Amino acid sequence: MGIASFTYTGNNNNIRLDLFLTMKLPDNTRSFIKKQILNGGVEINGLVVKKPAYILKEGSLITFKEPEIIKSGIQAFYHDLEIIYEDEYIAVINKPAGISTHPGKGNYDNTLVNILIGKISNLSGIGGVERPGIVHRLDKDTSGIMLIAKNDFSHNALVSSFKNREIKKTYFAVTYGIITQKSGCIEGFIKRNPKSRIKMEMDKKEDGKHCVTRFESVKSIRGVATLLKVMPETGRTHQIRVSLFEYGYPIVGDKLYKRKDTKDKYKSLNFVKRQMLHAYMLEFPHPKTKEKIILKAKVPDDMLWALDAMQW
């Protein structure tokens, strides 16, 4: 547990404790500092003060104690994981297909969180003990680029960037059927399917969460499929998968959103073992420096057939 100490010099006789610490600890949000004060993590002249609005006096010695990291009990899982970028604030990784993002019912050992615990020493704790560092997720059988927060400051900043749509995501998707239009936009409202706990559905009624998915056709494949670049403007559960399914062009290999006649109609694609969806590129402001960063995740081997010799 880290400890930071400061002496108040009295330049501003009306300054609040939480505001003073926010200025002295710029890598922490004011809400985080307030929480620490309320939890007894701040002392003034050796005495615990639990009032964020406490007015400091000249010569006061303020001691700030970082919270102890709660041990999750989650075991590290050592697995090859490509780290695309890493600094003291964030890590950017290329998630393999077939791995769940975080532990859940029936799987507490072989998840991305388990891998991260074994690979990266410091992770944000805001997501809870079972989701350290996680600020967004990819479905189990979707591969590709993910942002990981290495401290709580980064976590808060990235969540804010996602909320404000400052983070742009680009996916590669392979759909059944030939999409002839060069570009398009699928818009509607996503909600939980009342008949299936794990399935989503989309319609134009405003009783779900609004979603916008833009796409560009890259090329047709073998006369039976289309390679798309997909740019979701919102981040809803299963958004790309359900949007393309409702549009009439489900993703190749998707076992949840599929047509009954798929296996017979597209026999040449029956070799595909998982949904052909890959998070390819992220464009985002660095949580600390605000510098624009653009990073790409290498397309996995099981999807290269759809790209052939194309260079990306």
C-alpha atoms as a PDB file:
ATOM      1  CA  MET A   1       0.000   0.000   0.000  1.00  0.00           C
ATOM      2  CA  GLY A   2       1.491   3.334  -1.086  1.00  0.00           C
ATOM      3  CA  ILE A   3       1.582   6.399   1.150  1.00  0.00           C
ATOM      4  CA  ALA A   4       1.938  10.051   0.056  1.00  0.00           C
ATOM      5  CA  SER A   5       2.475  12.992   2.426  1.00  0.00           C
ATOM      6  CA  PHE A   6       2.057  16.724   1.802  1.00  0.00           C
ATOM      7  CA  THR A   7       2.373  19.860   3.925  1.00  0.00           C
ATOM      8  CA  TYR A   8      -0.202  22.564   3.328  1.00  0.00           C
ATOM      9  CA  THR A   9       1.530  25.936   3.068  1.00  0.00           C
ATOM     10  CA  GLY A  10      -1.566  28.098   3.421  1.00  0.00           C
ATOM     11  CA  ASN A  11      -1.581  29.739  -0.017  1.00  0.00           C
ATOM     12  CA  ASN A  12      -5.350  29.363  -0.039  1.00  0.00           C
ATOM     13  CA  ASN A  13      -6.943  29.448   3.400  1.00  0.00           C
ATOM     14  CA  ASN A  14     -10.294  28.173   2.154  1.00  0.00           C
ATOM     15  CA  ILE A  15      -9.203  25.081   0.270  1.00  0.00           C
ATOM     16  CA  ARG A  16     -11.032  21.802   0.856  1.00  0.00           C
ATOM     17  CA  LEU A  17      -9.178  18.604   1.683  1.00  0.00           C
ATOM     18  CA  ASP A  18     -10.491  16.686  -1.359  1.00  0.00           C
ATOM     19  CA  LEU A  19      -9.664  19.535  -3.756  1.00  0.00           C
ATOM     20  CA  PHE A  20      -6.136  19.893  -2.342  1.00  0.00           C
ATOM     21  CA  LEU A  21      -5.458  16.162  -2.750  1.00  0.00           C
ATOM     22  CA  THR A  22      -6.904  16.199  -6.281  1.00  0.00           C
ATOM     23  CA  MET A  23      -4.315  18.823  -7.234  1.00  0.00           C
ATOM     24  CA  LYS A  24      -1.502  16.948  -5.517  1.00  0.00           C
ATOM     25  CA  LEU A  25      -2.475  13.537  -6.904  1.00  0.00           C
ATOM     26  CA  PRO A  26      -3.399  14.241 -10.558  1.00  0.00           C
ATOM     27  CA  ASP A  27      -3.431  10.539 -11.470  1.00  0.00           C
ATOM     28  CA  ASN A  28      -6.477  10.038  -9.230  1.00  0.00           C
ATOM     29  CA  THR A  29      -9.981  11.357  -9.779  1.00  0.00           C
ATOM     30  CA  ARG A  30     -11.689  13.571  -7.225  1.00  0.00           C
ATOM     31  CA  SER A  31     -14.389  10.919  -6.691  1.00  0.00           C
ATOM     32  CA  PHE A  32     -11.715   8.299  -5.931  1.00  0.00           C
ATOM     33  CA  ILE A  33     -10.001  10.643  -3.436  1.00  0.00           C
ATOM     34  CA  LYS A  34     -13.340  11.454  -1.809  1.00  0.00           C
ATOM     35  CA  LYS A  35     -14.030   7.755  -1.398  1.00  0.00           C
ATOM     36  CA  GLN A  36     -10.628   7.254   0.249  1.00  0.00           C
ATOM     37  CA  ILE A  37     -11.294  10.108   2.675  1.00  0.00           C
ATOM     38  CA  LEU A  38     -14.690   8.652   3.620  1.00  0.00           C
ATOM     39  CA  ASN A  39     -13.064   5.221   4.096  1.00  0.00           C
ATOM     40  CA  GLY A  40     -10.514   6.611   6.552  1.00  0.00           C
ATOM     41  CA  GLY A  41      -7.563   6.628   4.194  1.00  0.00           C
ATOM     42  CA  VAL A  42      -6.478  10.210   4.943  1.00  0.00           C
ATOM     43  CA  GLU A  43      -4.839  11.601   8.087  1.00  0.00           C
ATOM     44  CA  ILE A  44      -4.158  15.209   9.080  1.00  0.00           C
ATOM     45  CA  ASN A  45      -1.410  15.632  11.667  1.00  0.00           C
ATOM     46  CA  GLY A  46      -1.734  11.933  12.516  1.00  0.00           C
ATOM     47  CA  LEU A  47      -5.513  11.905  12.990  1.00  0.00           C
ATOM     48  CA  VAL A  48      -7.978  10.312  10.563  1.00  0.00           C
ATOM     49  CA  VAL A  49     -10.254  12.854   8.875  1.00  0.00           C
ATOM     50  CA  LYS A  50     -13.335  11.548   7.066  1.00  0.00           C
ATOM     51  CA  LYS A  51     -14.710  14.882   5.817  1.00  0.00           C
ATOM     52  CA  PRO A  52     -13.916  15.653   2.132  1.00  0.00           C
ATOM     53  CA  ALA A  53     -14.975  19.287   2.720  1.00  0.00           C
ATOM     54  CA  TYR A  54     -12.607  19.745   5.675  1.00  0.00           C
ATOM     55  CA  ILE A  55     -10.883  23.161   5.368  1.00  0.00           C
ATOM     56  CA  LEU A  56      -7.111  22.898   5.658  1.00  0.00           C
ATOM     57  CA  LYS A  57      -5.034  25.045   7.969  1.00  0.00           C
ATOM     58  CA  GLU A  58      -1.523  26.317   7.312  1.00  0.00           C
ATOM     59  CA  GLY A  59       1.192  23.854   8.284  1.00  0.00           C
ATOM     60  CA  SER A  60      -1.112  20.816   8.239  1.00  0.00           C
ATOM     61  CA  LEU A  61       0.552  17.501   7.352  1.00  0.00           C
ATOM     62  CA  ILE A  62      -1.743  15.458   5.108  1.00  0.00           C
ATOM     63  CA  THR A  63      -1.077  11.745   4.685  1.00  0.00           C
ATOM     64  CA  PHE A  64      -2.886   9.884   1.908  1.00  0.00           C
ATOM     65  CA  LYS A  65      -2.921   6.085   2.000  1.00  0.00           C
ATOM     66  CA  GLU A  66      -3.704   4.199  -1.176  1.00  0.00           C
ATOM     67  CA  PRO A  67      -6.238   1.388  -0.704  1.00  0.00           C
ATOM     68  CA  GLU A  68      -4.960  -2.120  -0.236  1.00  0.00           C
ATOM     69  CA  ILE A  69      -5.375  -4.278  -3.298  1.00  0.00           C
ATOM     70  CA  ILE A  70      -8.061  -6.865  -2.640  1.00  0.00           C
ATOM     71  CA  LYS A  71      -6.861 -10.302  -3.584  1.00  0.00           C
ATOM     72  CA  SER A  72      -9.381 -11.821  -5.919  1.00  0.00           C
ATOM     73  CA  GLY A  73      -8.437 -15.429  -5.408  1.00  0.00           C
ATOM     74  CA  ILE A  74      -8.486 -15.807  -9.185  1.00  0.00           C
ATOM     75  CA  GLN A  75      -5.617 -17.951 -10.352  1.00  0.00           C
ATOM     76  CA  ALA A  76      -3.216 -16.850 -13.056  1.00  0.00           C
ATOM     77  CA  PHE A  77      -3.547 -18.746 -16.331  1.00  0.00           C
ATOM     78  CA  TYR A  78      -0.361 -18.725 -18.364  1.00  0.00           C
ATOM     79  CA  HIS A  79      -1.235 -18.509 -22.038  1.00  0.00           C
ATOM     80  CA  ASP A  80       0.339 -16.830 -25.044  1.00  0.00           C
ATOM     81  CA  LEU A  81      -1.004 -13.302 -25.312  1.00  0.00           C
ATOM     82  CA  GLU A  82       0.178 -10.635 -27.722  1.00  0.00           C
ATOM     83  CA  ILE A  83       0.671  -7.288 -26.009  1.00  0.00           C
ATOM     84  CA  ILE A  84       0.437  -4.688 -28.780  1.00  0.00           C
ATOM     85  CA  TYR A  85       1.264  -1.703 -26.579  1.00  0.00           C
ATOM     86  CA  GLU A  86       1.998  -1.090 -22.903  1.00  0.00           C
ATOM     87  CA  ASP A  87       3.003   1.794 -20.640  1.00  0.00           C
ATOM     88  CA  GLU A  88       2.400   2.626 -16.970  1.00  0.00           C
ATOM     89  CA  TYR A  89      -1.228   3.576 -17.641  1.00  0.00           C
ATOM     90  CA  ILE A  90      -2.607   1.096 -20.159  1.00  0.00           C
ATOM     91  CA  ALA A  91      -1.988  -2.117 -22.021  1.00  0.00           C
ATOM     92  CA  VAL A  92      -3.448  -3.007 -25.420  1.00  0.00           C
ATOM     93  CA  ILE A  93      -3.730  -6.709 -26.201  1.00  0.00           C
ATOM     94  CA  ASN A  94      -4.852  -9.014 -29.009  1.00  0.00           C
ATOM     95  CA  LYS A  95      -7.406 -11.377 -27.449  1.00  0.00           C
ATOM     96  CA  PRO A  96      -7.488 -14.868 -28.946  1.00  0.00           C
ATOM     97  CA  ALA A  97     -10.820 -16.333 -29.982  1.00  0.00           C
ATOM     98  CA  GLY A  98     -12.262 -18.999 -27.688  1.00  0.00           C
ATOM     99  CA  ILE A  99     -11.419 -17.166 -24.454  1.00  0.00           C
ATOM    100  CA  SER A 100     -14.045 -15.419 -22.320  1.00  0.00           C
ATOM    101  CA  THR A 101     -13.209 -11.918 -21.166  1.00  0.00           C
ATOM    102  CA  HIS A 102     -13.832 -12.464 -17.464  1.00  0.00           C
ATOM    103  CA  PRO A 103     -14.766 -15.307 -15.080  1.00  0.00           C
ATOM    104  CA  GLY A 104     -18.359 -16.435 -14.973  1.00  0.00           C
ATOM    105  CA  LYS A 105     -20.518 -19.372 -14.112  1.00  0.00           C
ATOM    106  CA  GLY A 106     -18.728 -22.594 -15.026  1.00  0.00           C
ATOM    107  CA  ASN A 107     -15.432 -20.917 -15.952  1.00  0.00           C
ATOM    108  CA  TYR A 108     -13.215 -19.286 -13.342  1.00  0.00           C
ATOM    109  CA  ASP A 109      -9.828 -20.403 -14.608  1.00  0.00           C
ATOM    110  CA  ASN A 110      -9.356 -20.024 -18.369  1.00  0.00           C
ATOM    111  CA  THR A 111     -10.389 -16.437 -19.062  1.00  0.00           C
ATOM    112  CA  LEU A 112      -8.687 -13.286 -20.270  1.00  0.00           C
ATOM    113  CA  VAL A 113      -8.641 -11.978 -16.689  1.00  0.00           C
ATOM    114  CA  ASN A 114      -6.712 -15.078 -15.576  1.00  0.00           C
ATOM    115  CA  ILE A 115      -4.227 -14.500 -18.392  1.00  0.00           C
ATOM    116  CA  LEU A 116      -3.851 -10.816 -17.541  1.00  0.00           C
ATOM    117  CA  ILE A 117      -3.169 -11.598 -13.892  1.00  0.00           C
ATOM    118  CA  GLY A 118      -0.298 -13.810 -14.997  1.00  0.00           C
ATOM    119  CA  LYS A 119       0.958 -11.332 -17.598  1.00  0.00           C
ATOM    120  CA  ILE A 120       0.529  -7.808 -16.177  1.00  0.00           C
ATOM    121  CA  SER A 121       1.483  -6.930 -12.611  1.00  0.00           C
ATOM    122  CA  ASN A 122      -0.756  -3.886 -12.007  1.00  0.00           C
ATOM    123  CA  LEU A 123      -4.390  -3.707 -13.077  1.00  0.00           C
ATOM    124  CA  SER A 124      -7.193  -1.293 -12.228  1.00  0.00           C
ATOM    125  CA  GLY A 125      -9.459  -2.563  -9.473  1.00  0.00           C
ATOM    126  CA  ILE A 126     -12.521  -0.507 -10.356  1.00  0.00           C
ATOM    127  CA  GLY A 127     -14.073  -3.329 -12.353  1.00  0.00           C
ATOM    128  CA  GLY A 128     -14.204  -5.475  -9.201  1.00  0.00           C
ATOM    129  CA  VAL A 129     -12.033  -8.334  -8.051  1.00  0.00           C
ATOM    130  CA  GLU A 130     -13.188 -10.536 -10.924  1.00  0.00           C
ATOM    131  CA  ARG A 131     -12.730  -7.893 -13.648  1.00  0.00           C
ATOM    132  CA  PRO A 132      -9.422  -6.135 -12.908  1.00  0.00           C
ATOM    133  CA  GLY A 133      -8.368  -3.781 -15.706  1.00  0.00           C
ATOM    134  CA  ILE A 134     -11.398  -4.520 -17.874  1.00  0.00           C
ATOM    135  CA  VAL A 135     -13.057  -1.424 -19.380  1.00  0.00           C
ATOM    136  CA  HIS A 136     -14.792  -3.112 -22.326  1.00  0.00           C
ATOM    137  CA  ARG A 137     -15.208  -6.659 -23.535  1.00  0.00           C
ATOM    138  CA  LEU A 138     -15.240  -8.920 -26.562  1.00  0.00           C
ATOM    139  CA  ASP A 139     -17.428 -11.997 -26.909  1.00  0.00           C
ATOM    140  CA  LYS A 140     -15.748 -15.330 -26.245  1.00  0.00           C
ATOM    141  CA  ASP A 141     -15.437 -16.297 -29.922  1.00  0.00           C
ATOM    142  CA  THR A 142     -14.528 -12.802 -31.134  1.00  0.00           C
ATOM    143  CA  SER A 143     -10.820 -12.114 -31.453  1.00  0.00           C
ATOM    144  CA  GLY A 144      -8.942  -8.859 -31.482  1.00  0.00           C
ATOM    145  CA  ILE A 145      -7.819  -5.648 -29.898  1.00  0.00           C
ATOM    146  CA  MET A 146      -8.740  -4.673 -26.333  1.00  0.00           C
ATOM    147  CA  LEU A 147      -7.801  -1.806 -24.015  1.00  0.00           C
ATOM    148  CA  ILE A 148      -6.734  -2.691 -20.472  1.00  0.00           C
ATOM    149  CA  ALA A 149      -6.524  -0.145 -17.618  1.00  0.00           C
ATOM    150  CA  LYS A 150      -3.476  -0.465 -15.381  1.00  0.00           C
ATOM    151  CA  ASN A 151      -4.682   1.946 -12.707  1.00  0.00           C
ATOM    152  CA  ASP A 152      -7.921   3.531 -11.548  1.00  0.00           C
ATOM    153  CA  PHE A 153      -7.133   6.898 -13.136  1.00  0.00           C
ATOM    154  CA  SER A 154      -6.840   5.220 -16.550  1.00  0.00           C
ATOM    155  CA  HIS A 155      -9.965   3.177 -15.935  1.00  0.00           C
ATOM    156  CA  ASN A 156     -12.074   6.273 -15.220  1.00  0.00           C
ATOM    157  CA  ALA A 157     -10.605   8.164 -18.171  1.00  0.00           C
ATOM    158  CA  LEU A 158     -11.201   5.301 -20.621  1.00  0.00           C
ATOM    159  CA  VAL A 159     -14.759   4.723 -19.419  1.00  0.00           C
ATOM    160  CA  SER A 160     -15.393   8.429 -19.998  1.00  0.00           C
ATOM    161  CA  SER A 161     -13.866   8.231 -23.485  1.00  0.00           C
ATOM    162  CA  PHE A 162     -16.111   5.286 -24.381  1.00  0.00           C
ATOM    163  CA  LYS A 163     -19.152   7.106 -23.021  1.00  0.00           C
ATOM    164  CA  ASN A 164     -18.326  10.240 -25.025  1.00  0.00           C
ATOM    165  CA  ARG A 165     -17.667   8.175 -28.178  1.00  0.00           C
ATOM    166  CA  GLU A 166     -14.059   9.334 -28.352  1.00  0.00           C
ATOM    167  CA  ILE A 167     -12.906   5.769 -28.981  1.00  0.00           C
ATOM    168  CA  LYS A 168     -13.348   4.504 -32.529  1.00  0.00           C
ATOM    169  CA  LYS A 169     -13.468   0.776 -33.208  1.00  0.00           C
ATOM    170  CA  THR A 170     -13.068  -1.050 -36.503  1.00  0.00           C
ATOM    171  CA  TYR A 171     -13.829  -4.747 -36.973  1.00  0.00           C
ATOM    172  CA  PHE A 172     -13.466  -7.237 -39.780  1.00  0.00           C
ATOM    173  CA  ALA A 173     -16.545  -9.415 -40.257  1.00  0.00           C
ATOM    174  CA  VAL A 174     -17.336 -12.127 -42.795  1.00  0.00           C
ATOM    175  CA  THR A 175     -21.025 -12.551 -43.588  1.00  0.00           C
ATOM    176  CA  TYR A 176     -23.022 -15.191 -45.384  1.00  0.00           C
ATOM    177  CA  GLY A 177     -24.239 -13.867 -48.736  1.00  0.00           C
ATOM    178  CA  ILE A 178     -23.048 -11.131 -51.072  1.00  0.00           C
ATOM    179  CA  ILE A 179     -23.634  -7.563 -49.945  1.00  0.00           C
ATOM    180  CA  THR A 180     -23.604  -5.476 -53.099  1.00  0.00           C
ATOM    181  CA  GLN A 181     -23.832  -1.995 -51.583  1.00  0.00           C
ATOM    182  CA  LYS A 182     -20.497  -0.337 -50.830  1.00  0.00           C
ATOM    183  CA  SER A 183     -21.515   1.004 -47.438  1.00  0.00           C
ATOM    184  CA  GLY A 184     -24.456   1.173 -45.103  1.00  0.00           C
ATOM    185  CA  CYS A 185     -25.760   1.890 -41.639  1.00  0.00           C
ATOM    186  CA  ILE A 186     -27.855  -0.416 -39.449  1.00  0.00           C
ATOM    187  CA  GLU A 187     -29.734   1.442 -36.748  1.00  0.00           C
ATOM    188  CA  GLY A 188     -32.300   0.338 -34.200  1.00  0.00           C
ATOM    189  CA  PHE A 189     -32.839  -0.675 -30.588  1.00  0.00           C
ATOM    190  CA  ILE A 190     -31.295  -3.736 -28.946  1.00  0.00           C
ATOM    191  CA  LYS A 191     -32.867  -5.576 -26.048  1.00  0.00           C
ATOM    192  CA  ARG A 192     -32.695  -8.978 -24.380  1.00  0.00           C
ATOM    193  CA  ASN A 193     -34.627 -11.711 -26.197  1.00  0.00           C
ATOM    194  CA  PRO A 194     -37.498 -12.633 -23.877  1.00  0.00           C
ATOM    195  CA  LYS A 195     -37.221 -16.282 -24.902  1.00  0.00           C
ATOM    196  CA  SER A 196     -33.443 -16.628 -24.449  1.00  0.00           C
ATOM    197  CA  ARG A 197     -31.252 -15.399 -21.580  1.00  0.00           C
ATOM    198  CA  ILE A 198     -28.136 -15.342 -23.777  1.00  0.00           C
ATOM    199  CA  LYS A 199     -29.614 -13.842 -26.927  1.00  0.00           C
ATOM    200  CA  MET A 200     -30.318 -10.264 -27.991  1.00  0.00           C
ATOM    201  CA  GLU A 201     -32.768  -8.957 -30.583  1.00  0.00           C
ATOM    202  CA  MET A 202     -33.210  -5.694 -32.433  1.00  0.00           C
ATOM    203  CA  ASP A 203     -36.202  -3.729 -33.673  1.00  0.00           C
ATOM    204  CA  LYS A 204     -37.177  -0.131 -34.352  1.00  0.00           C
ATOM    205  CA  LYS A 205     -39.252   0.289 -31.199  1.00  0.00           C
ATOM    206  CA  GLU A 206     -37.709   2.491 -28.551  1.00  0.00           C
ATOM    207  CA  ASP A 207     -37.959  -0.044 -25.724  1.00  0.00           C
ATOM    208  CA  GLY A 208     -34.329  -1.177 -26.062  1.00  0.00           C
ATOM    209  CA  LYS A 209     -30.921   0.512 -26.161  1.00  0.00           C
ATOM    210  CA  HIS A 210     -30.215   2.603 -29.248  1.00  0.00           C
ATOM    211  CA  CYS A 211     -27.461   1.254 -31.498  1.00  0.00           C
ATOM    212  CA  VAL A 212     -25.743   2.412 -34.673  1.00  0.00           C
ATOM    213  CA  THR A 213     -23.532   0.137 -36.777  1.00  0.00           C
ATOM    214  CA  ARG A 214     -21.830   1.383 -39.946  1.00  0.00           C
ATOM    215  CA  PHE A 215     -20.142  -0.905 -42.443  1.00  0.00           C
ATOM    216  CA  GLU A 216     -18.144  -0.874 -45.662  1.00  0.00           C
ATOM    217  CA  SER A 217     -17.986  -3.785 -48.119  1.00  0.00           C
ATOM    218  CA  VAL A 218     -14.397  -4.776 -48.790  1.00  0.00           C
ATOM    219  CA  LYS A 219     -14.918  -7.657 -51.223  1.00  0.00           C
ATOM    220  CA  SER A 220     -16.990 -10.742 -52.017  1.00  0.00           C
ATOM    221  CA  ILE A 221     -15.459 -14.098 -51.109  1.00  0.00           C
ATOM    222  CA  ARG A 222     -15.801 -17.234 -53.245  1.00  0.00           C
ATOM    223  CA  GLY A 223     -19.181 -16.045 -54.471  1.00  0.00           C
ATOM    224  CA  VAL A 224     -20.857 -16.907 -51.154  1.00  0.00           C
ATOM    225  CA  ALA A 225     -19.659 -14.435 -48.525  1.00  0.00           C
ATOM    226  CA  THR A 226     -18.695 -10.791 -47.973  1.00  0.00           C
ATOM    227  CA  LEU A 227     -15.775  -9.309 -46.092  1.00  0.00           C
ATOM    228  CA  LEU A 228     -16.835  -6.161 -44.228  1.00  0.00           C
ATOM    229  CA  LYS A 229     -15.186  -3.407 -42.255  1.00  0.00           C
ATOM    230  CA  VAL A 230     -17.599  -2.627 -39.438  1.00  0.00           C
ATOM    231  CA  MET A 231     -17.539   0.554 -37.359  1.00  0.00           C
ATOM    232  CA  PRO A 232     -19.959   0.434 -34.421  1.00  0.00           C
ATOM    233  CA  GLU A 233     -20.790   3.877 -33.066  1.00  0.00           C
ATOM    234  CA  THR A 234     -22.359   2.454 -29.916  1.00  0.00           C
ATOM    235  CA  GLY A 235     -21.219  -0.441 -27.756  1.00  0.00           C
ATOM    236  CA  ARG A 236     -24.161  -2.736 -27.035  1.00  0.00           C
ATOM    237  CA  THR A 237     -24.026  -6.405 -26.145  1.00  0.00           C
ATOM    238  CA  HIS A 238     -23.707  -8.530 -29.329  1.00  0.00           C
ATOM    239  CA  GLN A 239     -24.307  -5.362 -31.367  1.00  0.00           C
ATOM    240  CA  ILE A 240     -22.453  -6.269 -34.573  1.00  0.00           C
ATOM    241  CA  ARG A 241     -23.619  -9.868 -34.536  1.00  0.00           C
ATOM    242  CA  VAL A 242     -27.308  -9.152 -34.003  1.00  0.00           C
ATOM    243  CA  SER A 243     -27.303  -6.115 -36.324  1.00  0.00           C
ATOM    244  CA  LEU A 244     -25.920  -8.082 -39.278  1.00  0.00           C
ATOM    245  CA  PHE A 245     -28.249 -11.001 -38.494  1.00  0.00           C
ATOM    246  CA  GLU A 246     -31.300  -8.716 -38.521  1.00  0.00           C
ATOM    247  CA  TYR A 247     -29.992  -7.052 -41.686  1.00  0.00           C
ATOM    248  CA  GLY A 248     -30.130 -10.460 -43.387  1.00  0.00           C
ATOM    249  CA  TYR A 249     -26.423 -11.252 -43.518  1.00  0.00           C
ATOM    250  CA  PRO A 250     -25.401 -13.163 -40.359  1.00  0.00           C
ATOM    251  CA  ILE A 251     -21.728 -13.619 -39.535  1.00  0.00           C
ATOM    252  CA  VAL A 252     -20.138 -16.795 -40.848  1.00  0.00           C
ATOM    253  CA  GLY A 253     -19.708 -19.344 -38.065  1.00  0.00           C
ATOM    254  CA  ASP A 254     -21.924 -17.556 -35.533  1.00  0.00           C
ATOM    255  CA  LYS A 255     -23.677 -20.339 -33.609  1.00  0.00           C
ATOM    256  CA  LEU A 256     -26.152 -18.064 -31.834  1.00  0.00           C
ATOM    257  CA  TYR A 257     -27.332 -15.752 -34.612  1.00  0.00           C
ATOM    258  CA  LYS A 258     -27.811 -18.036 -37.608  1.00  0.00           C
ATOM    259  CA  ARG A 259     -30.351 -19.036 -40.239  1.00  0.00           C
ATOM    260  CA  LYS A 260     -31.809 -22.545 -40.334  1.00  0.00           C
ATOM    261  CA  ASP A 261     -30.747 -23.119 -43.937  1.00  0.00           C
ATOM    262  CA  THR A 262     -27.139 -21.919 -43.492  1.00  0.00           C
ATOM    263  CA  LYS A 263     -25.416 -25.327 -43.425  1.00  0.00           C
ATOM    264  CA  ASP A 264     -27.104 -26.535 -46.602  1.00  0.00           C
ATOM    265  CA  LYS A 265     -27.020 -23.244 -48.497  1.00  0.00           C
ATOM    266  CA  TYR A 266     -23.370 -22.440 -47.728  1.00  0.00           C
ATOM    267  CA  LYS A 267     -21.748 -25.863 -47.587  1.00  0.00           C
ATOM    268  CA  SER A 268     -18.409 -24.507 -48.775  1.00  0.00           C
ATOM    269  CA  LEU A 269     -18.165 -22.510 -45.521  1.00  0.00           C
ATOM    270  CA  ASN A 270     -18.926 -25.374 -43.136  1.00  0.00           C
ATOM    271  CA  PHE A 271     -15.209 -25.656 -42.291  1.00  0.00           C
ATOM    272  CA  VAL A 272     -15.451 -22.466 -40.202  1.00  0.00           C
ATOM    273  CA  LYS A 273     -15.409 -23.295 -36.484  1.00  0.00           C
ATOM    274  CA  ARG A 274     -16.171 -19.923 -34.862  1.00  0.00           C
ATOM    275  CA  GLN A 275     -17.771 -16.572 -35.718  1.00  0.00           C
ATOM    276  CA  MET A 276     -15.669 -14.631 -38.210  1.00  0.00           C
ATOM    277  CA  LEU A 277     -15.488 -11.382 -36.259  1.00  0.00           C
ATOM    278  CA  HIS A 278     -12.190  -9.700 -35.382  1.00  0.00           C
ATOM    279  CA  ALA A 279     -11.666  -6.377 -33.578  1.00  0.00           C
ATOM    280  CA  TYR A 280      -9.008  -4.995 -35.871  1.00  0.00           C
ATOM    281  CA  MET A 281      -8.290  -1.372 -34.930  1.00  0.00           C
ATOM    282  CA  LEU A 282      -8.722   1.097 -32.073  1.00  0.00           C
ATOM    283  CA  GLU A 283      -8.313   4.864 -32.219  1.00  0.00           C
ATOM    284  CA  PHE A 284      -8.383   6.552 -28.816  1.00  0.00           C
ATOM    285  CA  PRO A 285      -6.976   9.421 -26.730  1.00  0.00           C
ATOM    286  CA  HIS A 286      -4.328   8.295 -24.239  1.00  0.00           C
ATOM    287  CA  PRO A 287      -5.915   8.582 -20.758  1.00  0.00           C
ATOM    288  CA  LYS A 288      -3.014  10.657 -19.413  1.00  0.00           C
ATOM    289  CA  THR A 289      -1.405  12.541 -22.320  1.00  0.00           C
ATOM    290  CA  LYS A 290      -4.567  12.771 -24.495  1.00  0.00           C
ATOM    291  CA  GLU A 291      -2.371  11.947 -27.503  1.00  0.00           C
ATOM    292  CA  LYS A 292      -4.325  10.227 -30.272  1.00  0.00           C
ATOM    293  CA  ILE A 293      -3.249   6.598 -30.564  1.00  0.00           C
ATOM    294  CA  ILE A 294      -4.122   4.238 -33.423  1.00  0.00           C
ATOM    295  CA  LEU A 295      -3.332   0.543 -32.959  1.00  0.00           C
ATOM    296  CA  LYS A 296      -4.132  -2.604 -34.941  1.00  0.00           C
ATOM    297  CA  ALA A 297      -4.407  -6.270 -34.015  1.00  0.00           C
ATOM    298  CA  LYS A 298      -3.084  -8.914 -36.381  1.00  0.00           C
ATOM    299  CA  VAL A 299      -5.828 -10.999 -37.962  1.00  0.00           C
ATOM    300  CA  PRO A 300      -5.706 -14.591 -36.572  1.00  0.00           C
ATOM    301  CA  ASP A 301      -4.796 -17.538 -38.757  1.00  0.00           C
ATOM    302  CA  ASP A 302      -8.307 -19.009 -38.779  1.00  0.00           C
ATOM    303  CA  MET A 303      -9.611 -15.889 -40.517  1.00  0.00           C
ATOM    304  CA  LEU A 304      -6.861 -15.338 -43.076  1.00  0.00           C
ATOM    305  CA  TRP A 305      -8.733 -17.324 -45.718  1.00  0.00           C
ATOM    306  CA  ALA A 306     -11.211 -14.429 -45.926  1.00  0.00           C
ATOM    307  CA  LEU A 307      -8.483 -11.870 -46.541  1.00  0.00           C
ATOM    308  CA  ASP A 308      -6.364 -14.004 -48.887  1.00  0.00           C
ATOM    309  CA  ALA A 309      -3.269 -12.058 -49.931  1.00  0.00           C
ATOM    310  CA  MET A 310      -4.675  -8.653 -48.981  1.00  0.00           C
ATOM    311  CA  GLN A 311      -2.371  -6.512 -46.869  1.00  0.00           C
ATOM    312  CA  TRP A 312      -3.731  -4.543 -43.919  1.00  0.00           C
END
